[in-house]
């Protein structure tokens, strides 16, 4: 393709490109197999077709927007056009001037949405809008606002949405398509015939661990406290159906809404307290069953601290319970003995054994919580040849966040071999240009199809890779594992159904499906 430097598109990328040139398209491709190249190809074509018009490339975070800018700069001729990064740190007046002369703008949706609300510029001369991580284009997110304004004002509108997975819920996928005025969906998975010929083998292994007798004893104590709270809510007719954390959070919202509108009875106040404590115990159980003893004990201390500060009558009652104190004492005894969750021992074994099979093995370990990432990194750093770093988001809760500069440095160290293991929270799942790895470990399975696909996509692209998922038997881990697999299949069926409806209607999705 003319103007495309150093890159040769694969056949499936060329096919997707042809669709994107002709129609507003949602591109669903696994992490690491070339969504950005498709976007680059379409950008070149649209700018050839509409000389003097602009391309706007949106990404949910500044590092992602910057990453796309660098990719375009690297693979376009020097004199192709003016490429600019928009951030909130650039003064609005300066952004307005840059907008007038720039050819391709990379930005977060928040920045563009704010500028449009202030009427700093118009999108009438934008011939292509690209929205990366398009699964975020729902409800009131700024992606939706910008897409709507774009379709209203552009002289030559064309939209591409890029995502590894739009989710498993058909309603949500339709909402994304409606918000982006999608006319066609291009879906590929690792198993698609035109994709798998380019990919390497992905070896999969499920490693099950069992809670120790001592941990099970603590679990049983917490389970009884949890069931007591839930039973009381049922007896008072506040709670029906299966009891899980999501259902409890929904009940909490409902009761809170009634309270704010003065619809509450005296018993509602008691129910609000019960729900709050049930949610606390549910979270404590999740930490104990699936994370680490250290993080669980930290959470126990947090509850006691809340009670000491008299934050609520409910938490005071919980902290005074003999069975809660017994669980606390048993946990403290395990910590003193130096015992941890069996997953920690298993992950040390996995990293040590896999490292023996291959020199300079690059590994990413994904986990839900920062505390777990910290402990895992600390535990494996004692192994010979292991240089591990924790990779987390920017939020400074408990002083554990990383600045964008620190995140960038960790990725550079991982790329050049100074670090060979990254212990990452969800920040490592979405988009960031982390080099391909040999081994991906899920410390726990995730029930979200989006997150599972993004995590898995970090390996087995150009060379063989391995995925290991740790599962604690008879816990929420098992549900999450099977839920994720089910949701991925559901996602593919939902997309195929929408593709069929679009093909049969030959009309934009909003007219057909809504």
Protein backbone atom coordinates (compact mmCIF):
# COMPACT_ATOMS: atom_id res chain seq x y z
CA UNK A 1 0.00 0.00 0.00
CA UNK A 2 1.26 3.48 -0.91
CA UNK A 3 2.75 5.47 2.02
CA UNK A 4 2.87 2.39 4.26
CA UNK A 5 6.44 2.14 5.52
CA UNK A 6 8.08 -1.10 6.80
CA UNK A 7 4.79 -3.03 7.07
CA UNK A 8 3.11 -5.71 4.97
CA UNK A 9 -0.56 -6.24 5.84
CA UNK A 10 -1.81 -9.77 6.32
CA UNK A 11 -4.69 -11.04 4.21
CA UNK A 12 -7.30 -10.70 7.00
CA UNK A 13 -6.13 -7.12 7.63
CA UNK A 14 -6.60 -6.30 3.94
CA UNK A 15 -10.11 -7.79 4.00
CA UNK A 16 -11.06 -5.82 7.13
CA UNK A 17 -9.52 -2.67 5.60
CA UNK A 18 -11.77 -2.98 2.53
CA UNK A 19 -14.86 -3.12 4.75
CA UNK A 20 -13.70 -0.15 6.88
CA UNK A 21 -13.17 2.01 3.80
CA UNK A 22 -16.74 1.42 2.65
CA UNK A 23 -18.71 1.31 5.92
CA UNK A 24 -18.66 2.35 9.57
CA UNK A 25 -17.16 -0.78 11.08
CA UNK A 26 -16.61 -2.38 14.48
CA UNK A 27 -13.34 -4.36 14.28
CA UNK A 28 -13.10 -7.19 16.82
CA UNK A 29 -9.59 -8.67 16.85
CA UNK A 30 -7.66 -10.35 19.70
CA UNK A 31 -4.91 -8.31 21.38
CA UNK A 32 -1.69 -8.17 19.38
CA UNK A 33 -2.78 -9.25 15.91
CA UNK A 34 -2.99 -5.91 14.17
CA UNK A 35 -5.99 -3.66 14.84
CA UNK A 36 -3.81 -0.53 14.75
CA UNK A 37 -2.37 -1.40 11.33
CA UNK A 38 -5.91 -1.64 9.94
CA UNK A 39 -6.63 1.81 11.41
CA UNK A 40 -3.44 3.20 9.85
CA UNK A 41 -4.35 1.80 6.42
CA UNK A 42 -7.84 3.31 6.57
CA UNK A 43 -6.43 6.66 7.74
CA UNK A 44 -4.10 6.78 4.71
CA UNK A 45 -6.94 5.88 2.31
CA UNK A 46 -9.40 8.42 3.75
CA UNK A 47 -6.83 11.23 3.64
CA UNK A 48 -6.09 10.35 0.00
CA UNK A 49 -9.80 10.42 -0.80
CA UNK A 50 -10.44 13.66 1.08
CA UNK A 51 -7.34 15.91 0.78
CA UNK A 52 -7.11 18.60 3.44
CA UNK A 53 -9.40 16.77 5.89
CA UNK A 54 -8.31 15.31 9.24
CA UNK A 55 -8.23 12.00 11.10
CA UNK A 56 -9.13 11.86 14.79
CA UNK A 57 -7.82 8.85 16.76
CA UNK A 58 -9.22 8.45 20.29
CA UNK A 59 -7.91 6.18 23.05
CA UNK A 60 -9.15 5.96 26.66
CA UNK A 61 -5.85 7.00 28.29
CA UNK A 62 -3.02 9.36 27.45
CA UNK A 63 -0.33 6.58 27.32
CA UNK A 64 -2.48 4.68 24.80
CA UNK A 65 -3.05 7.79 22.68
CA UNK A 66 0.70 8.51 22.76
CA UNK A 67 1.45 4.90 21.80
CA UNK A 68 -0.78 5.15 18.71
CA UNK A 69 0.88 8.45 17.75
CA UNK A 70 4.34 6.83 17.91
CA UNK A 71 3.11 3.85 15.85
CA UNK A 72 1.76 6.15 13.11
CA UNK A 73 4.97 8.25 13.13
CA UNK A 74 7.12 5.14 12.83
CA UNK A 75 5.16 3.72 9.90
CA UNK A 76 4.31 6.83 7.87
CA UNK A 77 6.71 8.87 5.69
CA UNK A 78 8.13 11.94 7.44
CA UNK A 79 6.30 14.39 5.18
CA UNK A 80 2.96 12.55 5.12
CA UNK A 81 1.28 15.04 7.45
CA UNK A 82 1.29 16.77 10.83
CA UNK A 83 0.63 14.32 13.71
CA UNK A 84 -0.28 15.84 17.08
CA UNK A 85 -1.12 14.63 20.59
CA UNK A 86 -3.90 16.44 22.46
CA UNK A 87 -3.83 16.37 26.26
CA UNK A 88 -5.49 18.34 29.03
CA UNK A 89 -2.08 19.77 29.97
CA UNK A 90 -2.00 21.78 26.72
CA UNK A 91 -3.86 25.08 27.12
CA UNK A 92 -7.23 25.23 25.30
CA UNK A 93 -6.21 28.19 23.10
CA UNK A 94 -3.08 26.33 22.00
CA UNK A 95 -5.14 23.19 21.25
CA UNK A 96 -7.41 25.29 19.05
CA UNK A 97 -4.38 26.51 17.03
CA UNK A 98 -2.91 23.01 16.79
CA UNK A 99 -6.29 21.68 15.58
CA UNK A 100 -6.28 24.13 12.66
CA UNK A 101 -2.95 22.88 11.28
CA UNK A 102 -2.84 19.20 12.36
CA UNK A 103 -3.68 16.36 9.95
CA UNK A 104 -3.97 13.46 12.41
CA UNK A 105 -4.88 14.13 16.05
CA UNK A 106 -4.47 11.60 18.85
CA UNK A 107 -6.35 12.28 22.06
CA UNK A 108 -8.46 10.99 24.91
CA UNK A 109 -12.24 11.32 24.42
CA UNK A 110 -12.52 13.53 27.52
CA UNK A 111 -10.24 16.17 26.00
CA UNK A 112 -12.13 16.32 22.68
CA UNK A 113 -15.54 16.24 24.39
CA UNK A 114 -14.59 19.19 26.60
CA UNK A 115 -13.34 21.18 23.61
CA UNK A 116 -16.52 20.47 21.63
CA UNK A 117 -18.68 21.60 24.55
CA UNK A 118 -16.69 24.86 24.61
CA UNK A 119 -17.01 25.09 20.81
CA UNK A 120 -13.26 25.46 20.33
CA UNK A 121 -13.49 23.74 16.95
CA UNK A 122 -15.81 21.60 14.84
CA UNK A 123 -15.51 18.04 13.52
CA UNK A 124 -16.88 18.97 10.09
CA UNK A 125 -13.50 18.46 8.37
CA UNK A 126 -12.72 15.11 10.05
CA UNK A 127 -12.98 12.35 7.44
CA UNK A 128 -12.24 9.49 9.87
CA UNK A 129 -12.93 8.93 13.56
CA UNK A 130 -11.14 5.96 15.17
CA UNK A 131 -12.22 4.89 18.67
CA UNK A 132 -9.84 2.41 20.31
CA UNK A 133 -11.10 0.08 23.09
CA UNK A 134 -14.56 0.66 21.63
CA UNK A 135 -16.21 -1.62 24.20
CA UNK A 136 -16.18 1.52 26.37
CA UNK A 137 -18.57 3.30 23.99
CA UNK A 138 -21.64 2.87 26.19
CA UNK A 139 -23.97 5.07 28.23
CA UNK A 140 -22.59 8.54 28.97
CA UNK A 141 -18.92 7.85 28.29
CA UNK A 142 -17.31 10.64 26.23
CA UNK A 143 -16.74 8.24 23.31
CA UNK A 144 -20.52 8.26 22.78
CA UNK A 145 -20.77 12.07 22.91
CA UNK A 146 -17.90 12.58 20.44
CA UNK A 147 -19.27 9.95 18.00
CA UNK A 148 -22.71 11.59 18.05
CA UNK A 149 -21.30 15.08 17.44
CA UNK A 150 -19.10 13.69 14.68
CA UNK A 151 -21.96 12.04 12.78
CA UNK A 152 -23.98 15.25 13.10
CA UNK A 153 -21.28 17.60 11.79
CA UNK A 154 -18.76 15.76 9.56
CA UNK A 155 -18.89 16.43 5.81
CA UNK A 156 -17.53 12.94 5.07
CA UNK A 157 -18.10 10.74 8.12
CA UNK A 158 -16.47 7.36 8.64
CA UNK A 159 -16.09 5.61 12.01
CA UNK A 160 -13.98 2.63 13.04
CA UNK A 161 -14.33 1.06 16.47
CA UNK A 162 -11.45 -1.17 17.63
CA UNK A 163 -11.71 -3.76 20.40
CA UNK A 164 -10.44 -7.19 21.45
CA UNK A 165 -13.93 -7.95 22.72
CA UNK A 166 -17.13 -5.90 22.93
CA UNK A 167 -18.41 -8.10 25.79
CA UNK A 168 -20.81 -11.02 25.83
CA UNK A 169 -24.11 -9.24 26.33
CA UNK A 170 -26.00 -8.81 23.04
CA UNK A 171 -27.75 -5.69 24.33
CA UNK A 172 -24.43 -4.04 25.15
CA UNK A 173 -22.92 -4.96 21.76
CA UNK A 174 -25.95 -3.43 20.04
CA UNK A 175 -25.60 -0.31 22.19
CA UNK A 176 -21.94 0.06 21.14
CA UNK A 177 -22.93 -0.39 17.49
CA UNK A 178 -25.74 2.14 17.80
CA UNK A 179 -23.51 4.73 19.48
CA UNK A 180 -20.91 4.37 16.73
CA UNK A 181 -23.46 4.23 13.87
CA UNK A 182 -21.99 0.87 12.89
CA UNK A 183 -22.94 -0.64 9.52
CA UNK A 184 -20.71 -3.73 9.61
CA UNK A 185 -18.87 -5.87 12.16
CA UNK A 186 -15.58 -7.62 11.34
CA UNK A 187 -14.90 -10.39 13.87
CA UNK A 188 -11.83 -12.60 14.05
CA UNK A 189 -10.63 -14.91 16.84
CA UNK A 190 -7.39 -16.87 17.26
CA UNK A 191 -9.22 -19.80 15.65
CA UNK A 192 -10.43 -17.95 12.54
CA UNK A 193 -8.94 -19.76 9.48
CA UNK A 194 -7.40 -16.58 8.02
CA UNK A 195 -5.85 -15.59 11.38
CA UNK A 196 -4.55 -18.83 12.90
CA UNK A 197 -2.13 -19.43 10.02
CA UNK A 198 -0.14 -16.41 11.27
CA UNK A 199 -0.18 -17.30 14.97
CA UNK A 200 1.91 -19.67 17.03
CA UNK A 201 0.69 -22.48 19.26
CA UNK A 202 -0.81 -21.43 22.59
CA UNK A 203 -0.36 -24.14 25.19
CA UNK A 204 -3.00 -24.01 27.92
CA UNK A 205 -2.82 -25.40 31.44
CA UNK A 206 -5.25 -25.21 34.35
CA UNK A 207 -3.58 -25.55 37.76
CA UNK A 208 -5.91 -26.31 40.67
CA UNK A 209 -4.93 -25.74 44.28
CA UNK A 210 -6.78 -26.64 47.46
CA UNK A 211 -7.16 -24.52 50.57
CA UNK A 212 -5.34 -25.87 53.63
CA UNK A 213 -7.29 -27.21 56.59
CA UNK A 214 -6.53 -24.03 58.61
CA UNK A 215 -7.73 -21.71 55.84
CA UNK A 216 -10.89 -23.79 55.40
CA UNK A 217 -11.65 -23.36 59.10
CA UNK A 218 -11.44 -19.57 58.75
CA UNK A 219 -13.54 -19.74 55.59
CA UNK A 220 -16.27 -21.71 57.36
CA UNK A 221 -16.46 -19.14 60.17
CA UNK A 222 -16.88 -16.29 57.67
CA UNK A 223 -19.40 -18.28 55.64
CA UNK A 224 -21.60 -18.72 58.72
CA UNK A 225 -21.46 -14.97 59.49
CA UNK A 226 -22.33 -14.18 55.86
CA UNK A 227 -25.28 -16.61 55.78
CA UNK A 228 -26.60 -15.21 59.05
CA UNK A 229 -26.73 -11.68 57.58
CA UNK A 230 -28.35 -12.88 54.33
CA UNK A 231 -30.92 -15.05 56.19
CA UNK A 232 -31.93 -12.07 58.30
CA UNK A 233 -32.46 -10.00 55.14
CA UNK A 234 -34.62 -12.80 53.72
CA UNK A 235 -36.69 -13.13 56.90
CA UNK A 236 -37.43 -9.38 56.80
CA UNK A 237 -38.39 -9.68 53.08
CA UNK A 238 -35.61 -7.45 51.81
CA UNK A 239 -33.73 -10.09 49.86
CA UNK A 240 -34.82 -12.79 47.41
CA UNK A 241 -33.05 -15.09 44.98
CA UNK A 242 -29.43 -16.28 45.04
CA UNK A 243 -27.07 -14.51 47.40
CA UNK A 244 -23.92 -13.10 45.83
CA UNK A 245 -21.94 -9.89 46.03
CA UNK A 246 -23.51 -8.37 42.90
CA UNK A 247 -27.07 -9.00 44.16
CA UNK A 248 -26.17 -7.45 47.53
CA UNK A 249 -24.67 -4.36 45.90
CA UNK A 250 -27.85 -3.93 43.84
CA UNK A 251 -29.95 -4.20 47.02
CA UNK A 252 -27.69 -1.64 48.70
CA UNK A 253 -28.28 0.80 45.81
CA UNK A 254 -32.04 0.23 45.97
CA UNK A 255 -32.21 0.82 49.73
CA UNK A 256 -29.97 3.87 49.42
CA UNK A 257 -32.25 5.30 46.72
CA UNK A 258 -35.31 4.79 48.94
CA UNK A 259 -33.51 6.49 51.80
CA UNK A 260 -32.61 9.53 49.67
CA UNK A 261 -36.28 9.89 48.63
CA UNK A 262 -37.55 9.48 52.22
CA UNK A 263 -39.33 6.23 51.33
CA UNK A 264 -37.54 4.24 54.03
CA UNK A 265 -39.15 2.53 56.99
CA UNK A 266 -37.27 2.07 60.30
CA UNK A 267 -36.50 -1.54 59.28
CA UNK A 268 -34.85 -0.25 56.09
CA UNK A 269 -32.10 1.41 58.12
CA UNK A 270 -31.36 -1.92 59.81
CA UNK A 271 -31.41 -3.66 56.39
CA UNK A 272 -28.91 -1.12 54.97
CA UNK A 273 -26.56 -1.94 57.86
CA UNK A 274 -26.98 -5.70 57.32
CA UNK A 275 -26.28 -5.41 53.59
CA UNK A 276 -23.14 -3.34 54.19
CA UNK A 277 -21.71 -5.93 56.58
CA UNK A 278 -22.70 -8.84 54.29
CA UNK A 279 -20.81 -7.16 51.42
CA UNK A 280 -17.76 -6.74 53.67
CA UNK A 281 -17.79 -10.43 54.59
CA UNK A 282 -18.33 -11.42 50.93
CA UNK A 283 -15.25 -9.42 49.95
CA UNK A 284 -13.27 -10.90 52.84
CA UNK A 285 -14.21 -14.40 51.63
CA UNK A 286 -13.06 -13.54 48.10
CA UNK A 287 -9.65 -12.40 49.41
CA UNK A 288 -9.27 -15.47 51.60
CA UNK A 289 -10.35 -17.98 48.94
CA UNK A 290 -8.68 -16.54 45.84
CA UNK A 291 -5.96 -14.03 46.82
CA UNK A 292 -3.49 -14.05 49.74
CA UNK A 293 -3.60 -14.48 53.51
CA UNK A 294 -1.68 -11.22 53.82
CA UNK A 295 -4.30 -9.18 51.90
CA UNK A 296 -7.13 -10.91 53.76
CA UNK A 297 -5.58 -10.08 57.13
CA UNK A 298 -5.03 -6.48 56.02
CA UNK A 299 -8.76 -6.27 55.24
CA UNK A 300 -9.66 -7.73 58.65
CA UNK A 301 -7.54 -5.01 60.27
CA UNK A 302 -9.31 -2.41 58.15
CA UNK A 303 -12.70 -3.55 59.49
CA UNK A 304 -11.41 -3.35 63.07
CA UNK A 305 -10.02 0.12 62.33
CA UNK A 306 -13.42 1.25 61.02
CA UNK A 307 -15.05 -0.03 64.20
CA UNK A 308 -12.50 1.76 66.36
CA UNK A 309 -13.32 5.01 64.54
CA UNK A 310 -17.02 4.22 65.08
CA UNK A 311 -17.82 4.66 61.39
CA UNK A 312 -21.11 2.78 61.71
CA UNK A 313 -23.08 0.74 64.25
CA UNK A 314 -23.04 -2.23 61.87
CA UNK A 315 -19.27 -2.42 61.61
CA UNK A 316 -18.97 -2.01 65.41
CA UNK A 317 -21.33 -4.99 65.88
CA UNK A 318 -19.36 -7.03 63.31
CA UNK A 319 -16.00 -6.30 64.95
CA UNK A 320 -17.35 -7.30 68.38
CA UNK A 321 -18.64 -10.69 67.23
CA UNK A 322 -16.80 -13.58 68.88
CA UNK A 323 -16.71 -15.57 65.64
CA UNK A 324 -15.19 -12.62 63.73
CA UNK A 325 -12.54 -12.21 66.45
CA UNK A 326 -11.87 -15.97 66.32
CA UNK A 327 -11.31 -15.76 62.51
CA UNK A 328 -8.99 -12.78 63.08
CA UNK A 329 -6.93 -14.66 65.70
CA UNK A 330 -6.65 -17.77 63.51
CA UNK A 331 -5.45 -15.64 60.59
CA UNK A 332 -2.89 -13.83 62.74
CA UNK A 333 -1.56 -17.23 63.87
CA UNK A 334 -1.12 -18.30 60.20
CA UNK A 335 0.74 -15.05 59.42
CA UNK A 336 3.04 -15.60 62.43
CA UNK A 337 3.80 -19.13 61.16
CA UNK A 338 4.68 -17.66 57.74
CA UNK A 339 1.88 -19.52 55.95
CA UNK A 340 0.33 -18.18 52.77
CA UNK A 341 -2.34 -19.05 50.25
CA UNK A 342 -1.42 -22.25 48.32
CA UNK A 343 -1.43 -20.21 45.09
CA UNK A 344 1.75 -18.43 46.22
CA UNK A 345 3.61 -21.72 46.56
CA UNK A 346 2.20 -22.85 43.19
CA UNK A 347 3.20 -19.67 41.37
CA UNK A 348 6.76 -19.91 42.74
CA UNK A 349 6.89 -23.49 41.43
CA UNK A 350 5.50 -22.51 38.01
CA UNK A 351 7.93 -19.59 37.51
CA UNK A 352 10.91 -21.67 38.70
CA UNK A 353 10.04 -24.74 36.54
CA UNK A 354 9.16 -22.77 33.38
CA UNK A 355 12.37 -20.74 33.75
CA UNK A 356 14.40 -23.96 33.68
CA UNK A 357 12.88 -24.87 30.30
CA UNK A 358 13.80 -21.60 28.60
CA UNK A 359 16.48 -18.98 29.21
CA UNK A 360 15.34 -15.35 29.60
CA UNK A 361 11.69 -16.41 29.83
CA UNK A 362 9.44 -13.34 29.67
CA UNK A 363 6.38 -13.66 31.91
CA UNK A 364 3.32 -11.61 32.81
CA UNK A 365 1.36 -12.54 35.92
CA UNK A 366 -2.12 -10.97 36.01
CA UNK A 367 -4.03 -10.46 39.23
CA UNK A 368 -7.07 -8.48 40.37
CA UNK A 369 -5.51 -6.70 43.35
CA UNK A 370 -2.39 -4.60 43.94
CA UNK A 371 -1.66 -6.25 47.28
CA UNK A 372 -1.55 -9.63 45.54
CA UNK A 373 0.71 -8.27 42.77
CA UNK A 374 3.10 -6.89 45.40
CA UNK A 375 3.29 -10.17 47.33
CA UNK A 376 3.67 -12.31 44.20
CA UNK A 377 6.48 -10.08 42.92
CA UNK A 378 8.23 -10.15 46.30
CA UNK A 379 7.89 -13.97 46.52
CA UNK A 380 9.30 -14.77 43.08
CA UNK A 381 12.11 -12.19 43.27
CA UNK A 382 13.85 -14.60 45.64
CA UNK A 383 14.22 -17.09 42.76
CA UNK A 384 17.49 -17.31 40.85
CA UNK A 385 17.39 -15.36 37.57
CA UNK A 386 14.07 -13.66 38.30
CA UNK A 387 13.82 -9.88 38.12
CA UNK A 388 10.21 -8.95 38.77
CA UNK A 389 8.43 -5.58 38.80
CA UNK A 390 4.88 -4.63 39.81
CA UNK A 391 2.86 -2.86 37.11
CA UNK A 392 -0.23 -1.06 38.39
CA UNK A 393 -2.38 1.99 37.61
CA UNK A 394 -1.93 5.60 38.65
CA UNK A 395 -4.36 5.77 41.57
CA UNK A 396 -2.36 6.62 44.67
CA UNK A 397 -4.47 4.65 47.15
CA UNK A 398 -2.18 3.47 49.98
CA UNK A 399 0.68 5.11 48.06
CA UNK A 400 0.87 2.21 45.62
CA UNK A 401 0.19 3.92 42.30
CA UNK A 402 2.63 4.44 39.42
CA UNK A 403 2.92 7.61 37.38
CA UNK A 404 2.79 7.35 33.58
CA UNK A 405 6.54 7.97 33.54
CA UNK A 406 7.11 5.06 35.96
CA UNK A 407 4.83 2.79 33.92
CA UNK A 408 6.77 3.65 30.76
CA UNK A 409 10.09 2.90 32.46
CA UNK A 410 8.89 -0.55 33.60
CA UNK A 411 7.79 -1.42 30.04
CA UNK A 412 11.20 -0.27 28.70
CA UNK A 413 13.04 -2.38 31.31
CA UNK A 414 10.88 -5.37 30.36
CA UNK A 415 11.58 -4.80 26.66
CA UNK A 416 15.36 -4.62 27.07
CA UNK A 417 15.60 -7.55 29.50
CA UNK A 418 16.41 -5.70 32.73
CA UNK A 419 13.14 -7.16 34.04
CA UNK A 420 11.79 -10.56 32.98
CA UNK A 421 8.55 -10.80 35.01
CA UNK A 422 5.77 -8.23 35.30
CA UNK A 423 3.10 -8.66 37.98
CA UNK A 424 0.21 -6.61 36.60
CA UNK A 425 -3.28 -5.57 37.59
CA UNK A 426 -5.89 -4.63 34.94
CA UNK A 427 -3.64 -1.80 33.65
CA UNK A 428 -1.62 -4.49 31.83
CA UNK A 429 -4.69 -5.89 30.06
CA UNK A 430 -5.82 -3.02 27.87
CA UNK A 431 -3.90 -1.80 24.87
CA UNK A 432 -0.50 -0.81 26.29
CA UNK A 433 2.44 -1.79 24.13
CA UNK A 434 3.91 -4.47 26.38
CA UNK A 435 6.22 -6.78 24.40
CA UNK A 436 5.07 -10.29 23.57
CA UNK A 437 5.76 -12.76 26.37
CA UNK A 438 6.49 -16.47 26.59
CA UNK A 439 4.26 -17.17 29.56
CA UNK A 440 1.03 -15.63 30.83
CA UNK A 441 -0.24 -16.60 34.28
CA UNK A 442 -3.69 -15.71 35.61
CA UNK A 443 -3.37 -15.63 39.41
CA UNK A 444 -7.13 -15.98 39.33
CA UNK A 445 -9.58 -16.51 36.44
CA UNK A 446 -11.71 -13.49 35.48
CA UNK A 447 -15.38 -13.91 34.60
CA UNK A 448 -15.24 -11.07 32.03
CA UNK A 449 -14.78 -12.23 28.43
CA UNK A 450 -13.18 -8.87 27.55
CA UNK A 451 -10.51 -9.11 30.25
CA UNK A 452 -9.79 -12.78 29.61
CA UNK A 453 -9.22 -12.19 25.87
CA UNK A 454 -7.01 -9.16 26.55
CA UNK A 455 -4.88 -11.03 29.10
CA UNK A 456 -4.48 -14.08 26.86
CA UNK A 457 -3.47 -11.95 23.87
CA UNK A 458 -0.11 -11.12 25.45
CA UNK A 459 1.45 -14.38 24.21
CA UNK A 460 1.66 -16.85 21.27
CA UNK A 461 1.79 -14.27 18.46
CA UNK A 462 5.22 -14.61 16.80
CA UNK A 463 6.51 -17.49 18.93
CA UNK A 464 4.97 -20.31 20.94
CA UNK A 465 3.38 -19.26 24.21
CA UNK A 466 1.87 -20.74 27.31
CA UNK A 467 -1.13 -19.75 29.43
CA UNK A 468 -1.53 -21.05 32.98
CA UNK A 469 -4.62 -20.28 35.06
CA UNK A 470 -4.56 -20.85 38.83
CA UNK A 471 -7.87 -21.98 40.34
CA UNK A 472 -8.71 -22.60 43.99
CA UNK A 473 -11.03 -25.61 44.20
CA UNK A 474 -14.58 -25.11 45.54
CA UNK A 475 -14.39 -21.30 45.43
CA UNK A 476 -15.49 -18.34 43.27
CA UNK A 477 -12.50 -19.11 41.03
CA UNK A 478 -14.33 -22.08 39.53
CA UNK A 479 -17.41 -19.99 38.71
CA UNK A 480 -15.26 -17.23 37.15
CA UNK A 481 -13.36 -19.73 34.98
CA UNK A 482 -16.47 -21.33 33.48
CA UNK A 483 -18.33 -18.00 33.23
CA UNK A 484 -15.52 -16.53 31.12
CA UNK A 485 -15.49 -19.46 28.71
CA UNK A 486 -19.27 -19.31 28.37
CA UNK A 487 -19.27 -15.54 27.79
CA UNK A 488 -16.66 -15.76 25.04
CA UNK A 489 -18.83 -18.25 23.14
CA UNK A 490 -21.87 -16.06 23.77
CA UNK A 491 -20.00 -13.00 22.47
CA UNK A 492 -19.16 -14.72 19.19
CA UNK A 493 -22.77 -15.89 18.71
CA UNK A 494 -24.13 -12.40 19.51
CA UNK A 495 -21.77 -10.74 17.01
CA UNK A 496 -22.59 -13.27 14.29
CA UNK A 497 -26.31 -12.63 14.86
CA UNK A 498 -25.80 -8.85 14.60
CA UNK A 499 -23.69 -9.30 11.44
CA UNK A 500 -26.52 -11.31 9.91
CA UNK A 501 -29.12 -8.67 10.80
CA UNK A 502 -26.92 -5.95 9.31
CA UNK A 503 -26.40 -7.94 6.12
CA UNK A 504 -30.12 -8.64 5.73
CA UNK A 505 -31.15 -5.05 6.46
CA UNK A 506 -28.44 -3.27 4.43
CA UNK A 507 -29.07 -0.33 6.77
CA UNK A 508 -27.17 1.25 9.67
CA UNK A 509 -27.65 -0.65 12.87
CA UNK A 510 -29.63 2.00 14.71
CA UNK A 511 -32.46 1.80 12.20
CA UNK A 512 -32.67 -1.96 12.24
CA UNK A 513 -32.08 -2.93 15.86
CA UNK A 514 -33.55 -0.09 17.91
